[in-house]
Amino acid sequence: APEPEPPKQEKAKSAGPSGKAVKELRERSRAGILDCKKALTECDGDMDKAMEWLKKKGMAKADKKAGNVAVEGCVASYVHFNNKIAVLVEVNSETDFVASNAIFKEFTADIAMQIAANSDVAYLTTDDVPAAEMEKEKQLEMAKDDLDGKPENIKEKIVVGRLKKKFE
């Protein structure tokens, strides 16, 4: 007679993280449900370690996208104060789905409005900056501690670069 087969042993399935824990991590991190479940599983249910795991995963995703080119976008304009202030802004994104989204368009318009409302914007071009103000800023830059010990010609080049950047 054939020998009876030994009873099959089932692997003990781990119940995994509870739905409550996944929900709590999702609310804290704003990550996807599956990512939260995986993070809790990887970190044996430790909420703080799971948050750290999700952060690392998010950074890895950001690193992957860092080299992507943003070729789609949206242009918005804002004219204010009897046509005396006008701003034209271009904000780019990676995909046309983002660029055509109403929220993205509103965001671009808000950026234009914020630039127009910025009191630091006093001149339209660097040529509009009065020579006296430019000279005053140059003297302040030349006196900064980080330029001590540098030759005068190098100081001059550094200051010219800083002023160009500041007044652009």
C-alpha atoms as a PDB file:
ATOM      1  CA  ALA A   1       0.000   0.000   0.000  1.00  0.00           C
ATOM      2  CA  PRO A   2       1.248   3.474  -0.810  1.00  0.00           C
ATOM      3  CA  GLU A   3       2.482   5.476   2.077  1.00  0.00           C
ATOM      4  CA  PRO A   4       0.216   8.284   3.160  1.00  0.00           C
ATOM      5  CA  GLU A   5       1.558  11.720   2.319  1.00  0.00           C
ATOM      6  CA  PRO A   6       2.580  13.805   5.284  1.00  0.00           C
ATOM      7  CA  PRO A   7       0.202  16.677   5.935  1.00  0.00           C
ATOM      8  CA  LYS A   8       1.265  19.874   4.179  1.00  0.00           C
ATOM      9  CA  GLN A   9       2.433  22.547   6.499  1.00  0.00           C
ATOM     10  CA  GLU A  10       1.188  25.945   5.596  1.00  0.00           C
ATOM     11  CA  LYS A  11       3.492  28.859   5.980  1.00  0.00           C
ATOM     12  CA  ALA A  12       2.445  31.148   8.727  1.00  0.00           C
ATOM     13  CA  LYS A  13       1.259  34.231   6.984  1.00  0.00           C
ATOM     14  CA  SER A  14       2.125  37.435   8.687  1.00  0.00           C
ATOM     15  CA  ALA A  15      -0.948  39.531   9.087  1.00  0.00           C
ATOM     16  CA  GLY A  16       1.002  42.608   8.038  1.00  0.00           C
ATOM     17  CA  PRO A  17       0.301  46.065   9.335  1.00  0.00           C
ATOM     18  CA  SER A  18      -3.176  46.837  10.528  1.00  0.00           C
ATOM     19  CA  GLY A  19      -5.430  49.016   8.437  1.00  0.00           C
ATOM     20  CA  LYS A  20      -5.461  51.567  11.223  1.00  0.00           C
ATOM     21  CA  ALA A  21      -1.656  51.817  11.205  1.00  0.00           C
ATOM     22  CA  VAL A  22      -1.568  52.167   7.404  1.00  0.00           C
ATOM     23  CA  LYS A  23      -4.212  54.891   7.579  1.00  0.00           C
ATOM     24  CA  GLU A  24      -2.299  56.749  10.293  1.00  0.00           C
ATOM     25  CA  LEU A  25       0.969  56.601   8.318  1.00  0.00           C
ATOM     26  CA  ARG A  26      -0.824  57.701   5.171  1.00  0.00           C
ATOM     27  CA  GLU A  27      -2.275  60.735   6.981  1.00  0.00           C
ATOM     28  CA  ARG A  28       1.135  61.626   8.411  1.00  0.00           C
ATOM     29  CA  SER A  29       3.124  61.143   5.227  1.00  0.00           C
ATOM     30  CA  ARG A  30       0.602  61.731   2.410  1.00  0.00           C
ATOM     31  CA  ALA A  31       2.162  58.722   0.670  1.00  0.00           C
ATOM     32  CA  GLY A  32       0.175  56.098  -1.217  1.00  0.00           C
ATOM     33  CA  ILE A  33      -1.585  53.258   0.589  1.00  0.00           C
ATOM     34  CA  LEU A  34       0.641  50.550  -0.867  1.00  0.00           C
ATOM     35  CA  ASP A  35       3.793  52.520  -0.049  1.00  0.00           C
ATOM     36  CA  CYS A  36       2.604  52.976   3.545  1.00  0.00           C
ATOM     37  CA  LYS A  37       1.794  49.286   3.890  1.00  0.00           C
ATOM     38  CA  LYS A  38       5.190  48.305   2.475  1.00  0.00           C
ATOM     39  CA  ALA A  39       6.981  50.803   4.742  1.00  0.00           C
ATOM     40  CA  LEU A  40       5.264  49.430   7.839  1.00  0.00           C
ATOM     41  CA  THR A  41       5.990  45.860   6.755  1.00  0.00           C
ATOM     42  CA  GLU A  42       9.676  46.665   6.148  1.00  0.00           C
ATOM     43  CA  CYS A  43       9.980  48.480   9.487  1.00  0.00           C
ATOM     44  CA  ASP A  44       8.075  45.894  11.569  1.00  0.00           C
ATOM     45  CA  GLY A  45       5.258  48.322  12.306  1.00  0.00           C
ATOM     46  CA  ASP A  46       7.481  51.094  13.741  1.00  0.00           C
ATOM     47  CA  MET A  47       5.777  54.321  12.683  1.00  0.00           C
ATOM     48  CA  ASP A  48       8.871  56.544  12.975  1.00  0.00           C
ATOM     49  CA  LYS A  49      11.091  54.128  11.057  1.00  0.00           C
ATOM     50  CA  ALA A  50       8.371  53.822   8.407  1.00  0.00           C
ATOM     51  CA  MET A  51       8.275  57.622   8.024  1.00  0.00           C
ATOM     52  CA  GLU A  52      12.060  57.618   7.574  1.00  0.00           C
ATOM     53  CA  TRP A  53      11.765  54.774   5.034  1.00  0.00           C
ATOM     54  CA  LEU A  54       9.178  56.757   3.055  1.00  0.00           C
ATOM     55  CA  LYS A  55      11.381  59.865   3.135  1.00  0.00           C
ATOM     56  CA  LYS A  56      14.315  57.894   1.758  1.00  0.00           C
ATOM     57  CA  LYS A  57      12.112  56.435  -0.949  1.00  0.00           C
ATOM     58  CA  GLY A  58      10.839  59.920  -1.798  1.00  0.00           C
ATOM     59  CA  MET A  59      14.380  61.249  -2.055  1.00  0.00           C
ATOM     60  CA  ALA A  60      15.301  58.390  -4.356  1.00  0.00           C
ATOM     61  CA  LYS A  61      12.347  59.254  -6.584  1.00  0.00           C
ATOM     62  CA  ALA A  62      13.386  62.918  -6.581  1.00  0.00           C
ATOM     63  CA  ASP A  63      16.966  61.966  -7.495  1.00  0.00           C
ATOM     64  CA  LYS A  64      15.671  59.960 -10.453  1.00  0.00           C
ATOM     65  CA  LYS A  65      13.683  62.943 -11.714  1.00  0.00           C
ATOM     66  CA  ALA A  66      16.456  65.490 -11.126  1.00  0.00           C
ATOM     67  CA  GLY A  67      17.845  65.111 -14.639  1.00  0.00           C
ATOM     68  CA  ASN A  68      14.486  65.340 -16.396  1.00  0.00           C
ATOM     69  CA  VAL A  69      13.894  68.309 -18.655  1.00  0.00           C
ATOM     70  CA  ALA A  70      10.865  70.497 -18.036  1.00  0.00           C
ATOM     71  CA  VAL A  71       9.749  71.326 -21.564  1.00  0.00           C
ATOM     72  CA  GLU A  72       6.021  71.808 -21.092  1.00  0.00           C
ATOM     73  CA  GLY A  73       4.642  74.775 -19.250  1.00  0.00           C
ATOM     74  CA  CYS A  74       2.314  77.653 -18.811  1.00  0.00           C
ATOM     75  CA  VAL A  75       2.707  81.393 -19.335  1.00  0.00           C
ATOM     76  CA  ALA A  76       0.746  83.894 -17.254  1.00  0.00           C
ATOM     77  CA  SER A  77       0.671  87.660 -17.159  1.00  0.00           C
ATOM     78  CA  TYR A  78      -0.482  90.127 -14.575  1.00  0.00           C
ATOM     79  CA  VAL A  79      -1.032  93.845 -15.090  1.00  0.00           C
ATOM     80  CA  HIS A  80      -1.612  96.044 -12.076  1.00  0.00           C
ATOM     81  CA  PHE A  81      -1.984  99.629 -10.971  1.00  0.00           C
ATOM     82  CA  ASN A  82      -3.250 101.413 -14.070  1.00  0.00           C
ATOM     83  CA  ASN A  83      -0.903  99.487 -16.365  1.00  0.00           C
ATOM     84  CA  LYS A  84       2.212 100.708 -14.520  1.00  0.00           C
ATOM     85  CA  ILE A  85       3.307  97.264 -13.382  1.00  0.00           C
ATOM     86  CA  ALA A  86       3.189  94.226 -15.629  1.00  0.00           C
ATOM     87  CA  VAL A  87       4.638  90.761 -15.131  1.00  0.00           C
ATOM     88  CA  LEU A  88       5.039  87.917 -17.596  1.00  0.00           C
ATOM     89  CA  VAL A  89       5.926  84.532 -16.079  1.00  0.00           C
ATOM     90  CA  GLU A  90       6.702  81.127 -17.555  1.00  0.00           C
ATOM     91  CA  VAL A  91       6.566  78.072 -15.275  1.00  0.00           C
ATOM     92  CA  ASN A  92       7.661  74.769 -16.781  1.00  0.00           C
ATOM     93  CA  SER A  93       6.794  71.171 -15.960  1.00  0.00           C
ATOM     94  CA  GLU A  94       7.803  67.760 -17.242  1.00  0.00           C
ATOM     95  CA  THR A  95       4.490  66.805 -18.838  1.00  0.00           C
ATOM     96  CA  ASP A  96       1.681  68.457 -20.739  1.00  0.00           C
ATOM     97  CA  PHE A  97      -0.806  66.878 -18.321  1.00  0.00           C
ATOM     98  CA  VAL A  98       0.556  69.069 -15.550  1.00  0.00           C
ATOM     99  CA  ALA A  99       0.867  72.137 -17.762  1.00  0.00           C
ATOM    100  CA  SER A 100      -2.754  71.938 -18.899  1.00  0.00           C
ATOM    101  CA  ASN A 101      -4.096  71.359 -15.382  1.00  0.00           C
ATOM    102  CA  ALA A 102      -6.290  74.187 -14.030  1.00  0.00           C
ATOM    103  CA  ILE A 103      -4.502  74.146 -10.669  1.00  0.00           C
ATOM    104  CA  PHE A 104      -1.121  74.585 -12.389  1.00  0.00           C
ATOM    105  CA  LYS A 105      -2.475  77.473 -14.462  1.00  0.00           C
ATOM    106  CA  GLU A 106      -3.822  79.127 -11.317  1.00  0.00           C
ATOM    107  CA  PHE A 107      -0.459  78.586  -9.624  1.00  0.00           C
ATOM    108  CA  THR A 108       1.341  80.295 -12.522  1.00  0.00           C
ATOM    109  CA  ALA A 109      -1.057  83.260 -12.390  1.00  0.00           C
ATOM    110  CA  ASP A 110      -0.519  83.498  -8.616  1.00  0.00           C
ATOM    111  CA  ILE A 111       3.253  83.629  -9.115  1.00  0.00           C
ATOM    112  CA  ALA A 112       2.853  86.504 -11.573  1.00  0.00           C
ATOM    113  CA  MET A 113       0.642  88.350  -9.090  1.00  0.00           C
ATOM    114  CA  GLN A 114       3.129  87.777  -6.247  1.00  0.00           C
ATOM    115  CA  ILE A 115       5.977  89.164  -8.319  1.00  0.00           C
ATOM    116  CA  ALA A 116       3.924  92.245  -9.153  1.00  0.00           C
ATOM    117  CA  ALA A 117       3.082  92.682  -5.472  1.00  0.00           C
ATOM    118  CA  ASN A 118       6.715  92.352  -4.365  1.00  0.00           C
ATOM    119  CA  SER A 119       7.885  95.726  -3.096  1.00  0.00           C
ATOM    120  CA  ASP A 120      11.534  94.796  -3.764  1.00  0.00           C
ATOM    121  CA  VAL A 121      10.926  95.077  -7.518  1.00  0.00           C
ATOM    122  CA  ALA A 122      11.707  98.739  -8.126  1.00  0.00           C
ATOM    123  CA  TYR A 123      13.158  98.869 -11.649  1.00  0.00           C
ATOM    124  CA  LEU A 124      12.402  97.154 -14.925  1.00  0.00           C
ATOM    125  CA  THR A 125      15.996  96.709 -16.097  1.00  0.00           C
ATOM    126  CA  THR A 126      19.439  97.099 -14.580  1.00  0.00           C
ATOM    127  CA  ASP A 127      19.886 100.204 -16.734  1.00  0.00           C
ATOM    128  CA  ASP A 128      17.037 101.855 -14.765  1.00  0.00           C
ATOM    129  CA  VAL A 129      18.946 101.633 -11.464  1.00  0.00           C
ATOM    130  CA  PRO A 130      20.325 105.093 -10.601  1.00  0.00           C
ATOM    131  CA  ALA A 131      24.125 105.330 -10.679  1.00  0.00           C
ATOM    132  CA  ALA A 132      24.196 106.655  -7.094  1.00  0.00           C
ATOM    133  CA  GLU A 133      22.331 103.608  -5.790  1.00  0.00           C
ATOM    134  CA  MET A 134      24.533 101.268  -7.804  1.00  0.00           C
ATOM    135  CA  GLU A 135      27.679 102.940  -6.388  1.00  0.00           C
ATOM    136  CA  LYS A 136      26.311 102.769  -2.828  1.00  0.00           C
ATOM    137  CA  GLU A 137      25.631  99.027  -3.195  1.00  0.00           C
ATOM    138  CA  LYS A 138      29.082  98.544  -4.724  1.00  0.00           C
ATOM    139  CA  GLN A 139      30.742 100.173  -1.695  1.00  0.00           C
ATOM    140  CA  LEU A 140      28.714  97.963   0.674  1.00  0.00           C
ATOM    141  CA  GLU A 141      29.724  94.837  -1.235  1.00  0.00           C
ATOM    142  CA  MET A 142      33.407  95.849  -1.361  1.00  0.00           C
ATOM    143  CA  ALA A 143      33.421  96.214   2.451  1.00  0.00           C
ATOM    144  CA  LYS A 144      32.141  92.684   3.136  1.00  0.00           C
ATOM    145  CA  ASP A 145      34.388  90.457   5.243  1.00  0.00           C
ATOM    146  CA  ASP A 146      34.466  87.575   2.799  1.00  0.00           C
ATOM    147  CA  LEU A 147      36.465  89.695   0.339  1.00  0.00           C
ATOM    148  CA  ASP A 148      39.264  90.513   2.802  1.00  0.00           C
ATOM    149  CA  GLY A 149      42.687  89.485   1.566  1.00  0.00           C
ATOM    150  CA  LYS A 150      41.690  89.202  -2.078  1.00  0.00           C
ATOM    151  CA  PRO A 151      43.473  91.294  -4.740  1.00  0.00           C
ATOM    152  CA  GLU A 152      41.598  94.440  -5.810  1.00  0.00           C
ATOM    153  CA  ASN A 153      41.019  93.253  -9.391  1.00  0.00           C
ATOM    154  CA  ILE A 154      39.468  89.995  -8.106  1.00  0.00           C
ATOM    155  CA  LYS A 155      37.341  91.899  -5.563  1.00  0.00           C
ATOM    156  CA  GLU A 156      36.069  94.123  -8.367  1.00  0.00           C
ATOM    157  CA  LYS A 157      35.051  91.135 -10.511  1.00  0.00           C
ATOM    158  CA  ILE A 158      33.285  89.439  -7.601  1.00  0.00           C
ATOM    159  CA  VAL A 159      31.401  92.610  -6.662  1.00  0.00           C
ATOM    160  CA  VAL A 160      30.370  93.297 -10.266  1.00  0.00           C
ATOM    161  CA  GLY A 161      28.992  89.754 -10.482  1.00  0.00           C
ATOM    162  CA  ARG A 162      27.095  90.107  -7.204  1.00  0.00           C
ATOM    163  CA  LEU A 163      25.604  93.446  -8.226  1.00  0.00           C
ATOM    164  CA  LYS A 164      24.566  92.087 -11.610  1.00  0.00           C
ATOM    165  CA  LYS A 165      22.824  89.176  -9.919  1.00  0.00           C
ATOM    166  CA  LYS A 166      21.179  91.434  -7.329  1.00  0.00           C
ATOM    167  CA  PHE A 167      19.832  93.998  -9.797  1.00  0.00           C
ATOM    168  CA  GLU A 168      18.719  91.550 -12.487  1.00  0.00           C
END
